[in-house]
Amino acid sequence: MASHTVAPPYKPLLATLKGDRQSVPPLWLMRQAGRYLPEYRELRATKGGFLALATDPEAAAEVTLQPIRRFGFDGAILFSDILMVPWALGQDLSFGAGEGPRLVPPLVDVALSTLERVPGRLEPVYQTVARVAGLLPPETTFLGFAGSPWTVATYMVAGQGSRDQHETRQFAYDDGRAFGAIIDAIVELTIEYLVKQIEAGVEAVQLFDSWAGSLSPAQFERWVIEPNARIVAGVKARCPDAIVIGFPKGAGGKLPVYADATGVDAIGLDETVDPVWADSVLPAGMPVQGNLDPLALMAGGAALDQGIDRVLAAFSDRPHVFNLGHGIGQHTPIAHVEALIARVRAQV
């Protein structure tokens, strides 16, 4: 009897990240699993807090799947947080209502060596990945992620977020050796974290560097490019087919060197980047992701339509994943997301 090989399902987003340009760009939105969805707010209310929700594999899987069921995005992004890594490195993590995340003790006050690592804190994430991987539609790409070392370190040093990362930037200048040890610890654990996400079922990963724009060029090279290059190399050494998206928010004119030096497979662009300029300076054929202003999505109407059309036109000749320039806002109307999807998918 002749055997028949069943072709794997075609995944437009994964194919685009590998360099195939689509006539209709695949679409997902950063923070698409979150507070703008009423079904998310309802589930979170039953769990009593973000960390309890993110560490419950069944609940976290449900949140990951909610926007796929509602909108049919081409990609699902793991529901978790970039601060899971410092939590596993031994800091205590909490999310106060209206206050943002807090890490205790802040490393501006204590040495990294005083922390006791708790790698088991990451196990629920891998369980969530495995659960989602078994439930996604076959054409949907599953994305994992981690925070990039610089951004994660800003929270670890200061214990919380800040507008300009002054405390961490000063710490890095005053004691480069101690700060380098923090970066090294984040790099080491992040490689392991992403590899285990891939082994559990994600098909591509994104490195979020939300505060990359706060650094001088020399510090950007030392604390953004070099650590991210080590993560990409470390992940690919263990998972040679891994696809890595780099998202250095605020990098601006430093984007071309980031694209060239980190080894990432695709570049995520924030909303401040001129897409026409980005298309002209990034390596030919390199997939890009972005970069509609989240506030244009919130505004809707002509502002949304014009923003979509500008991004689509700029990247019409290269592999492009349509996305926002940062996370979807909490108060974004559902109807505006539906309008965005309809306009992007009406390209043919």
C-alpha atoms as a PDB file:
ATOM      1  CA  MET A   1       0.000   0.000   0.000  1.00  0.00           C
ATOM      2  CA  ALA A   2       1.370   3.416  -0.961  1.00  0.00           C
ATOM      3  CA  SER A   3       2.057   5.825   1.880  1.00  0.00           C
ATOM      4  CA  HIS A   4       0.799   9.399   1.685  1.00  0.00           C
ATOM      5  CA  THR A   5       2.633  12.286   3.288  1.00  0.00           C
ATOM      6  CA  VAL A   6       0.334  14.953   4.653  1.00  0.00           C
ATOM      7  CA  ALA A   7       1.710  18.446   4.054  1.00  0.00           C
ATOM      8  CA  PRO A   8       1.930  20.583   7.196  1.00  0.00           C
ATOM      9  CA  PRO A   9      -0.625  23.419   7.406  1.00  0.00           C
ATOM     10  CA  TYR A  10       0.462  26.680   5.806  1.00  0.00           C
ATOM     11  CA  LYS A  11       1.084  29.380   8.396  1.00  0.00           C
ATOM     12  CA  PRO A  12       1.256  32.832   6.764  1.00  0.00           C
ATOM     13  CA  LEU A  13       2.862  34.515   9.762  1.00  0.00           C
ATOM     14  CA  LEU A  14       5.569  31.911  10.214  1.00  0.00           C
ATOM     15  CA  ALA A  15       6.272  31.920   6.470  1.00  0.00           C
ATOM     16  CA  THR A  16       6.620  35.706   6.517  1.00  0.00           C
ATOM     17  CA  LEU A  17       9.071  35.600   9.411  1.00  0.00           C
ATOM     18  CA  LYS A  18      11.115  33.152   7.337  1.00  0.00           C
ATOM     19  CA  GLY A  19      11.260  35.675   4.480  1.00  0.00           C
ATOM     20  CA  ASP A  20       8.243  34.940   2.281  1.00  0.00           C
ATOM     21  CA  ARG A  21       6.297  38.042   1.292  1.00  0.00           C
ATOM     22  CA  GLN A  22       2.513  37.593   1.376  1.00  0.00           C
ATOM     23  CA  SER A  23       0.052  39.424  -0.846  1.00  0.00           C
ATOM     24  CA  VAL A  24      -1.965  40.017   2.324  1.00  0.00           C
ATOM     25  CA  PRO A  25       0.333  40.614   5.304  1.00  0.00           C
ATOM     26  CA  PRO A  26      -0.323  38.407   8.326  1.00  0.00           C
ATOM     27  CA  LEU A  27      -1.565  40.206  11.387  1.00  0.00           C
ATOM     28  CA  TRP A  28      -1.291  40.097  15.156  1.00  0.00           C
ATOM     29  CA  LEU A  29      -1.206  42.834  17.797  1.00  0.00           C
ATOM     30  CA  MET A  30       1.095  43.253  20.751  1.00  0.00           C
ATOM     31  CA  ARG A  31      -0.885  42.841  24.015  1.00  0.00           C
ATOM     32  CA  GLN A  32      -3.767  41.407  21.991  1.00  0.00           C
ATOM     33  CA  ALA A  33      -4.486  39.081  24.927  1.00  0.00           C
ATOM     34  CA  GLY A  34      -5.421  41.614  27.539  1.00  0.00           C
ATOM     35  CA  ARG A  35      -7.476  44.317  29.167  1.00  0.00           C
ATOM     36  CA  TYR A  36      -9.341  45.697  26.131  1.00  0.00           C
ATOM     37  CA  LEU A  37     -11.247  42.381  25.894  1.00  0.00           C
ATOM     38  CA  PRO A  38     -14.300  41.962  28.143  1.00  0.00           C
ATOM     39  CA  GLU A  39     -13.737  38.205  28.336  1.00  0.00           C
ATOM     40  CA  TYR A  40     -10.229  38.859  29.698  1.00  0.00           C
ATOM     41  CA  ARG A  41     -11.502  41.276  32.342  1.00  0.00           C
ATOM     42  CA  GLU A  42     -14.105  38.764  33.424  1.00  0.00           C
ATOM     43  CA  LEU A  43     -11.551  35.968  33.789  1.00  0.00           C
ATOM     44  CA  ARG A  44      -9.027  38.142  35.602  1.00  0.00           C
ATOM     45  CA  ALA A  45     -11.675  39.193  38.120  1.00  0.00           C
ATOM     46  CA  THR A  46     -12.104  35.554  39.101  1.00  0.00           C
ATOM     47  CA  LYS A  47      -8.352  35.074  39.638  1.00  0.00           C
ATOM     48  CA  GLY A  48      -7.730  38.093  41.820  1.00  0.00           C
ATOM     49  CA  GLY A  49      -4.592  39.435  40.158  1.00  0.00           C
ATOM     50  CA  PHE A  50      -2.256  39.340  37.195  1.00  0.00           C
ATOM     51  CA  LEU A  51       0.388  37.015  38.626  1.00  0.00           C
ATOM     52  CA  ALA A  52      -2.200  34.475  39.756  1.00  0.00           C
ATOM     53  CA  LEU A  53      -3.650  34.531  36.259  1.00  0.00           C
ATOM     54  CA  ALA A  54      -0.293  34.264  34.484  1.00  0.00           C
ATOM     55  CA  THR A  55       0.854  31.314  36.614  1.00  0.00           C
ATOM     56  CA  ASP A  56      -2.330  29.296  36.163  1.00  0.00           C
ATOM     57  CA  PRO A  57      -1.663  27.318  32.949  1.00  0.00           C
ATOM     58  CA  GLU A  58      -5.322  26.689  32.221  1.00  0.00           C
ATOM     59  CA  ALA A  59      -6.283  30.340  32.715  1.00  0.00           C
ATOM     60  CA  ALA A  60      -3.212  31.718  30.911  1.00  0.00           C
ATOM     61  CA  ALA A  61      -3.918  29.429  27.965  1.00  0.00           C
ATOM     62  CA  GLU A  62      -7.503  30.672  27.866  1.00  0.00           C
ATOM     63  CA  VAL A  63      -6.324  34.294  27.772  1.00  0.00           C
ATOM     64  CA  THR A  64      -3.839  33.479  24.986  1.00  0.00           C
ATOM     65  CA  LEU A  65      -6.636  31.921  22.926  1.00  0.00           C
ATOM     66  CA  GLN A  66      -9.306  34.592  23.516  1.00  0.00           C
ATOM     67  CA  PRO A  67      -8.220  37.021  20.748  1.00  0.00           C
ATOM     68  CA  ILE A  68      -7.726  34.139  18.317  1.00  0.00           C
ATOM     69  CA  ARG A  69     -11.322  33.024  18.814  1.00  0.00           C
ATOM     70  CA  ARG A  70     -12.681  36.560  18.568  1.00  0.00           C
ATOM     71  CA  PHE A  71     -10.580  37.976  15.713  1.00  0.00           C
ATOM     72  CA  GLY A  72      -8.809  35.097  13.978  1.00  0.00           C
ATOM     73  CA  PHE A  73      -5.368  36.727  14.165  1.00  0.00           C
ATOM     74  CA  ASP A  74      -2.570  34.968  12.288  1.00  0.00           C
ATOM     75  CA  GLY A  75      -0.482  34.754  15.439  1.00  0.00           C
ATOM     76  CA  ALA A  76      -1.141  33.981  19.095  1.00  0.00           C
ATOM     77  CA  ILE A  77       1.193  35.571  21.637  1.00  0.00           C
ATOM     78  CA  LEU A  78       1.824  33.753  24.909  1.00  0.00           C
ATOM     79  CA  PHE A  79       0.109  35.427  27.856  1.00  0.00           C
ATOM     80  CA  SER A  80       2.818  36.110  30.419  1.00  0.00           C
ATOM     81  CA  ASP A  81       5.111  38.977  31.451  1.00  0.00           C
ATOM     82  CA  ILE A  82       8.702  40.033  30.808  1.00  0.00           C
ATOM     83  CA  LEU A  83       9.368  40.050  34.566  1.00  0.00           C
ATOM     84  CA  MET A  84       9.035  36.290  34.934  1.00  0.00           C
ATOM     85  CA  VAL A  85      12.820  36.070  34.459  1.00  0.00           C
ATOM     86  CA  PRO A  86      13.761  38.323  37.430  1.00  0.00           C
ATOM     87  CA  TRP A  87      11.144  36.482  39.473  1.00  0.00           C
ATOM     88  CA  ALA A  88      12.931  33.229  38.658  1.00  0.00           C
ATOM     89  CA  LEU A  89      16.272  34.892  39.466  1.00  0.00           C
ATOM     90  CA  GLY A  90      15.023  35.385  43.026  1.00  0.00           C
ATOM     91  CA  GLN A  91      13.316  38.758  43.280  1.00  0.00           C
ATOM     92  CA  ASP A  92       9.769  38.884  44.603  1.00  0.00           C
ATOM     93  CA  LEU A  93       7.272  40.087  41.991  1.00  0.00           C
ATOM     94  CA  SER A  94       3.948  41.790  42.603  1.00  0.00           C
ATOM     95  CA  PHE A  95       1.442  43.784  40.562  1.00  0.00           C
ATOM     96  CA  GLY A  96      -0.293  46.430  42.627  1.00  0.00           C
ATOM     97  CA  ALA A  97      -3.591  47.863  41.382  1.00  0.00           C
ATOM     98  CA  GLY A  98      -2.793  51.001  39.403  1.00  0.00           C
ATOM     99  CA  GLU A  99       0.880  50.892  40.386  1.00  0.00           C
ATOM    100  CA  GLY A 100       2.561  48.638  37.840  1.00  0.00           C
ATOM    101  CA  PRO A 101       4.922  45.783  38.655  1.00  0.00           C
ATOM    102  CA  ARG A 102       7.265  45.830  41.652  1.00  0.00           C
ATOM    103  CA  LEU A 103      10.413  43.758  42.239  1.00  0.00           C
ATOM    104  CA  VAL A 104      11.856  43.339  45.728  1.00  0.00           C
ATOM    105  CA  PRO A 105      14.618  43.798  46.728  1.00  0.00           C
ATOM    106  CA  PRO A 106      15.764  46.335  44.100  1.00  0.00           C
ATOM    107  CA  LEU A 107      19.334  45.617  43.009  1.00  0.00           C
ATOM    108  CA  VAL A 108      20.353  49.215  43.517  1.00  0.00           C
ATOM    109  CA  ASP A 109      20.295  48.288  47.221  1.00  0.00           C
ATOM    110  CA  VAL A 110      21.482  44.655  47.307  1.00  0.00           C
ATOM    111  CA  ALA A 111      23.914  42.505  45.340  1.00  0.00           C
ATOM    112  CA  LEU A 112      22.683  40.037  42.747  1.00  0.00           C
ATOM    113  CA  SER A 113      24.624  37.311  44.568  1.00  0.00           C
ATOM    114  CA  THR A 114      22.299  37.597  47.572  1.00  0.00           C
ATOM    115  CA  LEU A 115      19.327  36.360  45.542  1.00  0.00           C
ATOM    116  CA  GLU A 116      18.371  32.688  45.576  1.00  0.00           C
ATOM    117  CA  ARG A 117      17.213  31.497  42.168  1.00  0.00           C
ATOM    118  CA  VAL A 118      13.815  29.806  41.856  1.00  0.00           C
ATOM    119  CA  PRO A 119      13.720  28.329  38.318  1.00  0.00           C
ATOM    120  CA  GLY A 120      10.554  26.405  39.156  1.00  0.00           C
ATOM    121  CA  ARG A 121       8.646  29.672  38.929  1.00  0.00           C
ATOM    122  CA  LEU A 122       8.884  29.363  35.139  1.00  0.00           C
ATOM    123  CA  GLU A 123       7.326  25.903  34.949  1.00  0.00           C
ATOM    124  CA  PRO A 124       3.727  27.200  34.649  1.00  0.00           C
ATOM    125  CA  VAL A 125       4.777  29.133  31.539  1.00  0.00           C
ATOM    126  CA  TYR A 126       5.974  25.977  29.809  1.00  0.00           C
ATOM    127  CA  GLN A 127       2.767  24.213  30.814  1.00  0.00           C
ATOM    128  CA  THR A 128       0.765  27.079  29.331  1.00  0.00           C
ATOM    129  CA  VAL A 129       2.716  26.818  26.079  1.00  0.00           C
ATOM    130  CA  ALA A 130       2.099  23.090  25.797  1.00  0.00           C
ATOM    131  CA  ARG A 131      -1.614  23.570  26.477  1.00  0.00           C
ATOM    132  CA  VAL A 132      -2.017  26.353  23.886  1.00  0.00           C
ATOM    133  CA  ALA A 133       0.025  24.515  21.258  1.00  0.00           C
ATOM    134  CA  GLY A 134      -2.481  21.684  21.363  1.00  0.00           C
ATOM    135  CA  LEU A 135      -5.497  23.978  20.963  1.00  0.00           C
ATOM    136  CA  LEU A 136      -4.530  26.558  18.331  1.00  0.00           C
ATOM    137  CA  PRO A 137      -6.004  26.446  14.822  1.00  0.00           C
ATOM    138  CA  PRO A 138      -3.496  24.736  12.500  1.00  0.00           C
ATOM    139  CA  GLU A 139      -2.866  27.885  10.448  1.00  0.00           C
ATOM    140  CA  THR A 140      -2.074  30.066  13.484  1.00  0.00           C
ATOM    141  CA  THR A 141       1.543  30.735  14.450  1.00  0.00           C
ATOM    142  CA  PHE A 142       2.366  30.548  18.163  1.00  0.00           C
ATOM    143  CA  LEU A 143       4.708  33.261  19.460  1.00  0.00           C
ATOM    144  CA  GLY A 144       6.655  33.151  22.704  1.00  0.00           C
ATOM    145  CA  PHE A 145       8.680  35.980  24.164  1.00  0.00           C
ATOM    146  CA  ALA A 146      11.039  37.330  26.772  1.00  0.00           C
ATOM    147  CA  GLY A 147      12.189  40.755  27.833  1.00  0.00           C
ATOM    148  CA  SER A 148      15.554  41.885  26.515  1.00  0.00           C
ATOM    149  CA  PRO A 149      18.305  42.184  29.133  1.00  0.00           C
ATOM    150  CA  TRP A 150      18.502  45.983  29.268  1.00  0.00           C
ATOM    151  CA  THR A 151      14.775  46.448  29.801  1.00  0.00           C
ATOM    152  CA  VAL A 152      14.543  43.613  32.341  1.00  0.00           C
ATOM    153  CA  ALA A 153      17.569  45.005  34.188  1.00  0.00           C
ATOM    154  CA  THR A 154      15.960  48.446  34.536  1.00  0.00           C
ATOM    155  CA  TYR A 155      13.177  46.876  36.561  1.00  0.00           C
ATOM    156  CA  MET A 156      15.565  44.683  38.554  1.00  0.00           C
ATOM    157  CA  VAL A 157      17.784  47.593  39.558  1.00  0.00           C
ATOM    158  CA  ALA A 158      15.095  50.165  40.342  1.00  0.00           C
ATOM    159  CA  GLY A 159      12.472  47.713  41.517  1.00  0.00           C
ATOM    160  CA  GLN A 160       9.863  49.293  39.245  1.00  0.00           C
ATOM    161  CA  GLY A 161       9.420  51.100  35.947  1.00  0.00           C
ATOM    162  CA  SER A 162      10.445  54.710  35.429  1.00  0.00           C
ATOM    163  CA  ARG A 163      10.151  57.388  32.770  1.00  0.00           C
ATOM    164  CA  ASP A 164      13.802  57.674  31.775  1.00  0.00           C
ATOM    165  CA  GLN A 165      15.524  54.759  33.582  1.00  0.00           C
ATOM    166  CA  HIS A 166      17.811  57.292  35.264  1.00  0.00           C
ATOM    167  CA  GLU A 167      18.624  55.117  38.264  1.00  0.00           C
ATOM    168  CA  THR A 168      19.642  52.119  36.150  1.00  0.00           C
ATOM    169  CA  ARG A 169      21.586  54.166  33.623  1.00  0.00           C
ATOM    170  CA  GLN A 170      23.527  55.790  36.467  1.00  0.00           C
ATOM    171  CA  PHE A 171      24.128  52.392  38.085  1.00  0.00           C
ATOM    172  CA  ALA A 172      25.520  51.047  34.793  1.00  0.00           C
ATOM    173  CA  TYR A 173      27.985  53.953  34.590  1.00  0.00           C
ATOM    174  CA  ASP A 174      28.983  53.823  38.260  1.00  0.00           C
ATOM    175  CA  ASP A 175      29.529  50.067  38.522  1.00  0.00           C
ATOM    176  CA  GLY A 176      29.773  48.489  35.100  1.00  0.00           C
ATOM    177  CA  ARG A 177      31.034  45.222  36.569  1.00  0.00           C
ATOM    178  CA  ALA A 178      28.062  44.741  38.886  1.00  0.00           C
ATOM    179  CA  PHE A 179      25.623  45.796  36.195  1.00  0.00           C
ATOM    180  CA  GLY A 180      27.322  43.470  33.701  1.00  0.00           C
ATOM    181  CA  ALA A 181      26.780  40.591  36.124  1.00  0.00           C
ATOM    182  CA  ILE A 182      23.057  41.382  36.188  1.00  0.00           C
ATOM    183  CA  ILE A 183      22.954  41.438  32.399  1.00  0.00           C
ATOM    184  CA  ASP A 184      24.873  38.156  32.216  1.00  0.00           C
ATOM    185  CA  ALA A 185      22.422  36.462  34.592  1.00  0.00           C
ATOM    186  CA  ILE A 186      19.470  37.671  32.528  1.00  0.00           C
ATOM    187  CA  VAL A 187      21.097  36.501  29.281  1.00  0.00           C
ATOM    188  CA  GLU A 188      21.834  33.042  30.665  1.00  0.00           C
ATOM    189  CA  LEU A 189      18.336  32.458  32.013  1.00  0.00           C
ATOM    190  CA  THR A 190      16.621  34.027  28.999  1.00  0.00           C
ATOM    191  CA  ILE A 191      18.322  31.583  26.634  1.00  0.00           C
ATOM    192  CA  GLU A 192      17.079  28.683  28.748  1.00  0.00           C
ATOM    193  CA  TYR A 193      13.632  30.248  29.051  1.00  0.00           C
ATOM    194  CA  LEU A 194      13.188  30.740  25.301  1.00  0.00           C
ATOM    195  CA  VAL A 195      14.581  27.324  24.417  1.00  0.00           C
ATOM    196  CA  LYS A 196      12.107  25.679  26.780  1.00  0.00           C
ATOM    197  CA  GLN A 197       9.259  27.716  25.293  1.00  0.00           C
ATOM    198  CA  ILE A 198      10.284  26.472  21.839  1.00  0.00           C
ATOM    199  CA  GLU A 199      10.566  22.892  23.061  1.00  0.00           C
ATOM    200  CA  ALA A 200       7.078  23.191  24.588  1.00  0.00           C
ATOM    201  CA  GLY A 201       5.511  24.388  21.345  1.00  0.00           C
ATOM    202  CA  VAL A 202       6.071  28.033  20.354  1.00  0.00           C
ATOM    203  CA  GLU A 203       7.167  28.562  16.754  1.00  0.00           C
ATOM    204  CA  ALA A 204       8.878  31.957  16.998  1.00  0.00           C
ATOM    205  CA  VAL A 205       9.946  34.226  19.850  1.00  0.00           C
ATOM    206  CA  GLN A 206      10.123  37.965  20.344  1.00  0.00           C
ATOM    207  CA  LEU A 207      12.620  39.911  22.435  1.00  0.00           C
ATOM    208  CA  PHE A 208      10.959  42.997  23.904  1.00  0.00           C
ATOM    209  CA  ASP A 209      13.339  45.897  24.623  1.00  0.00           C
ATOM    210  CA  SER A 210      10.815  48.506  25.704  1.00  0.00           C
ATOM    211  CA  TRP A 211      13.419  50.944  27.061  1.00  0.00           C
ATOM    212  CA  ALA A 212      16.125  50.601  24.378  1.00  0.00           C
ATOM    213  CA  GLY A 213      15.616  54.228  23.381  1.00  0.00           C
ATOM    214  CA  SER A 214      16.946  55.631  26.655  1.00  0.00           C
ATOM    215  CA  LEU A 215      20.611  54.769  26.014  1.00  0.00           C
ATOM    216  CA  SER A 216      23.500  56.618  24.415  1.00  0.00           C
ATOM    217  CA  PRO A 217      25.011  54.972  21.304  1.00  0.00           C
ATOM    218  CA  ALA A 218      27.912  53.431  23.248  1.00  0.00           C
ATOM    219  CA  GLN A 219      25.629  52.121  25.983  1.00  0.00           C
ATOM    220  CA  PHE A 220      23.197  50.850  23.350  1.00  0.00           C
ATOM    221  CA  GLU A 221      26.005  48.799  21.855  1.00  0.00           C
ATOM    222  CA  ARG A 222      27.036  47.418  25.248  1.00  0.00           C
ATOM    223  CA  TRP A 223      23.684  46.820  26.924  1.00  0.00           C
ATOM    224  CA  VAL A 224      21.310  46.214  23.994  1.00  0.00           C
ATOM    225  CA  ILE A 225      23.159  44.874  20.968  1.00  0.00           C
ATOM    226  CA  GLU A 226      25.731  42.646  22.675  1.00  0.00           C
ATOM    227  CA  PRO A 227      23.347  40.898  25.127  1.00  0.00           C
ATOM    228  CA  ASN A 228      20.664  40.373  22.490  1.00  0.00           C
ATOM    229  CA  ALA A 229      23.238  38.949  20.083  1.00  0.00           C
ATOM    230  CA  ARG A 230      24.290  36.485  22.789  1.00  0.00           C
ATOM    231  CA  ILE A 231      20.676  35.435  23.355  1.00  0.00           C
ATOM    232  CA  VAL A 232      20.022  34.926  19.648  1.00  0.00           C
ATOM    233  CA  ALA A 233      23.233  32.916  19.240  1.00  0.00           C
ATOM    234  CA  GLY A 234      22.501  30.866  22.362  1.00  0.00           C
ATOM    235  CA  VAL A 235      18.946  30.045  21.309  1.00  0.00           C
ATOM    236  CA  LYS A 236      19.978  29.126  17.763  1.00  0.00           C
ATOM    237  CA  ALA A 237      22.831  26.956  19.033  1.00  0.00           C
ATOM    238  CA  ARG A 238      20.245  24.760  20.751  1.00  0.00           C
ATOM    239  CA  CYS A 239      17.341  25.301  18.336  1.00  0.00           C
ATOM    240  CA  PRO A 240      18.913  25.941  14.907  1.00  0.00           C
ATOM    241  CA  ASP A 241      15.569  26.625  13.227  1.00  0.00           C
ATOM    242  CA  ALA A 242      14.442  29.154  15.831  1.00  0.00           C
ATOM    243  CA  ILE A 243      12.917  32.396  14.538  1.00  0.00           C
ATOM    244  CA  VAL A 244      13.659  35.484  16.652  1.00  0.00           C
ATOM    245  CA  ILE A 245      11.965  38.883  16.320  1.00  0.00           C
ATOM    246  CA  GLY A 246      13.827  41.812  17.864  1.00  0.00           C
ATOM    247  CA  PHE A 247      11.785  44.776  19.106  1.00  0.00           C
ATOM    248  CA  PRO A 248      14.110  47.584  20.296  1.00  0.00           C
ATOM    249  CA  LYS A 249      11.561  50.290  21.055  1.00  0.00           C
ATOM    250  CA  GLY A 250      12.947  53.781  20.631  1.00  0.00           C
ATOM    251  CA  ALA A 251      16.116  52.656  18.842  1.00  0.00           C
ATOM    252  CA  GLY A 252      15.440  55.042  15.952  1.00  0.00           C
ATOM    253  CA  GLY A 253      18.583  55.631  13.900  1.00  0.00           C
ATOM    254  CA  LYS A 254      20.316  52.708  15.636  1.00  0.00           C
ATOM    255  CA  LEU A 255      17.916  50.193  14.019  1.00  0.00           C
ATOM    256  CA  PRO A 256      20.179  49.285  11.068  1.00  0.00           C
ATOM    257  CA  VAL A 257      23.110  48.337  13.303  1.00  0.00           C
ATOM    258  CA  TYR A 258      20.764  46.428  15.620  1.00  0.00           C
ATOM    259  CA  ALA A 259      19.428  44.465  12.640  1.00  0.00           C
ATOM    260  CA  ASP A 260      22.931  43.739  11.402  1.00  0.00           C
ATOM    261  CA  ALA A 261      24.659  42.927  14.686  1.00  0.00           C
ATOM    262  CA  THR A 262      22.126  41.007  16.796  1.00  0.00           C
ATOM    263  CA  GLY A 263      21.354  38.189  14.358  1.00  0.00           C
ATOM    264  CA  VAL A 264      17.576  38.529  14.740  1.00  0.00           C
ATOM    265  CA  ASP A 265      15.451  37.208  11.891  1.00  0.00           C
ATOM    266  CA  ALA A 266      12.929  40.043  11.880  1.00  0.00           C
ATOM    267  CA  ILE A 267      12.674  43.579  13.264  1.00  0.00           C
ATOM    268  CA  GLY A 268       9.696  45.021  15.126  1.00  0.00           C
ATOM    269  CA  LEU A 269       9.276  48.761  14.639  1.00  0.00           C
ATOM    270  CA  ASP A 270       7.691  51.133  17.124  1.00  0.00           C
ATOM    271  CA  GLU A 271       5.251  53.834  16.051  1.00  0.00           C
ATOM    272  CA  THR A 272       7.866  56.636  16.056  1.00  0.00           C
ATOM    273  CA  VAL A 273       9.778  55.039  13.150  1.00  0.00           C
ATOM    274  CA  ASP A 274       9.025  56.337   9.662  1.00  0.00           C
ATOM    275  CA  PRO A 275       8.161  53.126   7.791  1.00  0.00           C
ATOM    276  CA  VAL A 276       9.421  54.536   4.487  1.00  0.00           C
ATOM    277  CA  TRP A 277      12.793  55.290   6.088  1.00  0.00           C
ATOM    278  CA  ALA A 278      12.912  51.873   7.760  1.00  0.00           C
ATOM    279  CA  ASP A 279      12.260  50.138   4.460  1.00  0.00           C
ATOM    280  CA  SER A 280      15.120  52.075   2.892  1.00  0.00           C
ATOM    281  CA  VAL A 281      17.758  51.349   5.554  1.00  0.00           C
ATOM    282  CA  LEU A 282      17.024  47.814   6.782  1.00  0.00           C
ATOM    283  CA  PRO A 283      18.589  44.842   4.980  1.00  0.00           C
ATOM    284  CA  ALA A 284      16.792  43.937   1.761  1.00  0.00           C
ATOM    285  CA  GLY A 285      14.391  41.070   2.281  1.00  0.00           C
ATOM    286  CA  MET A 286      14.508  41.240   6.082  1.00  0.00           C
ATOM    287  CA  PRO A 287      11.017  40.772   7.523  1.00  0.00           C
ATOM    288  CA  VAL A 288       9.640  43.748   9.423  1.00  0.00           C
ATOM    289  CA  GLN A 289       6.809  43.955  11.912  1.00  0.00           C
ATOM    290  CA  GLY A 290       4.673  46.954  12.754  1.00  0.00           C
ATOM    291  CA  ASN A 291       4.129  49.777  13.101  1.00  0.00           C
ATOM    292  CA  LEU A 292       0.725  51.420  13.368  1.00  0.00           C
ATOM    293  CA  ASP A 293       0.398  53.927  16.215  1.00  0.00           C
ATOM    294  CA  PRO A 294      -1.757  52.314  18.940  1.00  0.00           C
ATOM    295  CA  LEU A 295      -3.464  55.688  19.417  1.00  0.00           C
ATOM    296  CA  ALA A 296      -4.537  55.708  15.763  1.00  0.00           C
ATOM    297  CA  LEU A 297      -6.233  52.386  16.444  1.00  0.00           C
ATOM    298  CA  MET A 298      -7.906  53.869  19.506  1.00  0.00           C
ATOM    299  CA  ALA A 299      -9.022  56.929  17.513  1.00  0.00           C
ATOM    300  CA  GLY A 300     -10.465  54.943  14.610  1.00  0.00           C
ATOM    301  CA  GLY A 301     -11.989  56.539  11.530  1.00  0.00           C
ATOM    302  CA  ALA A 302      -9.821  58.412   9.039  1.00  0.00           C
ATOM    303  CA  ALA A 303      -6.777  58.431  11.352  1.00  0.00           C
ATOM    304  CA  LEU A 304      -6.875  54.644  11.502  1.00  0.00           C
ATOM    305  CA  ASP A 305      -7.422  54.187   7.775  1.00  0.00           C
ATOM    306  CA  GLN A 306      -4.601  56.561   6.856  1.00  0.00           C
ATOM    307  CA  GLY A 307      -2.212  54.981   9.324  1.00  0.00           C
ATOM    308  CA  ILE A 308      -2.919  51.485   8.016  1.00  0.00           C
ATOM    309  CA  ASP A 309      -2.492  52.545   4.401  1.00  0.00           C
ATOM    310  CA  ARG A 310       0.833  54.275   5.077  1.00  0.00           C
ATOM    311  CA  VAL A 311       2.318  51.202   6.752  1.00  0.00           C
ATOM    312  CA  LEU A 312       1.035  48.845   4.063  1.00  0.00           C
ATOM    313  CA  ALA A 313       2.412  51.025   1.267  1.00  0.00           C
ATOM    314  CA  ALA A 314       5.841  51.386   2.869  1.00  0.00           C
ATOM    315  CA  PHE A 315       6.361  47.631   3.218  1.00  0.00           C
ATOM    316  CA  SER A 316       4.616  46.433   0.069  1.00  0.00           C
ATOM    317  CA  ASP A 317       7.842  45.029  -1.385  1.00  0.00           C
ATOM    318  CA  ARG A 318       9.230  43.151   1.616  1.00  0.00           C
ATOM    319  CA  PRO A 319       8.025  40.465   4.035  1.00  0.00           C
ATOM    320  CA  HIS A 320       5.772  42.321   6.457  1.00  0.00           C
ATOM    321  CA  VAL A 321       3.834  41.345   9.567  1.00  0.00           C
ATOM    322  CA  PHE A 322       1.207  43.971  10.279  1.00  0.00           C
ATOM    323  CA  ASN A 323       1.208  44.993  13.931  1.00  0.00           C
ATOM    324  CA  LEU A 324       1.116  48.006  16.194  1.00  0.00           C
ATOM    325  CA  GLY A 325       4.141  50.053  17.191  1.00  0.00           C
ATOM    326  CA  HIS A 326       3.551  48.991  20.788  1.00  0.00           C
ATOM    327  CA  GLY A 327       0.811  47.313  22.825  1.00  0.00           C
ATOM    328  CA  ILE A 328      -2.880  47.776  22.155  1.00  0.00           C
ATOM    329  CA  GLY A 329      -4.391  50.291  24.572  1.00  0.00           C
ATOM    330  CA  GLN A 330      -6.721  49.193  27.345  1.00  0.00           C
ATOM    331  CA  HIS A 331      -9.569  51.416  26.132  1.00  0.00           C
ATOM    332  CA  THR A 332      -9.365  50.498  22.439  1.00  0.00           C
ATOM    333  CA  PRO A 333     -12.863  49.818  21.047  1.00  0.00           C
ATOM    334  CA  ILE A 334     -13.434  46.297  19.756  1.00  0.00           C
ATOM    335  CA  ALA A 335     -15.035  47.773  16.607  1.00  0.00           C
ATOM    336  CA  HIS A 336     -11.771  49.548  15.750  1.00  0.00           C
ATOM    337  CA  VAL A 337      -9.831  46.276  15.925  1.00  0.00           C
ATOM    338  CA  GLU A 338     -12.412  44.699  13.630  1.00  0.00           C
ATOM    339  CA  ALA A 339     -12.044  47.619  11.196  1.00  0.00           C
ATOM    340  CA  LEU A 340      -8.256  47.245  11.248  1.00  0.00           C
ATOM    341  CA  ILE A 341      -8.433  43.546  10.433  1.00  0.00           C
ATOM    342  CA  ALA A 342     -10.925  44.106   7.621  1.00  0.00           C
ATOM    343  CA  ARG A 343      -8.799  46.823   5.985  1.00  0.00           C
ATOM    344  CA  VAL A 344      -5.527  44.912   6.201  1.00  0.00           C
ATOM    345  CA  ARG A 345      -7.098  41.734   4.842  1.00  0.00           C
ATOM    346  CA  ALA A 346      -8.782  43.532   1.932  1.00  0.00           C
ATOM    347  CA  GLN A 347      -5.490  43.911   0.064  1.00  0.00           C
ATOM    348  CA  VAL A 348      -6.291  41.509  -2.747  1.00  0.00           C
END
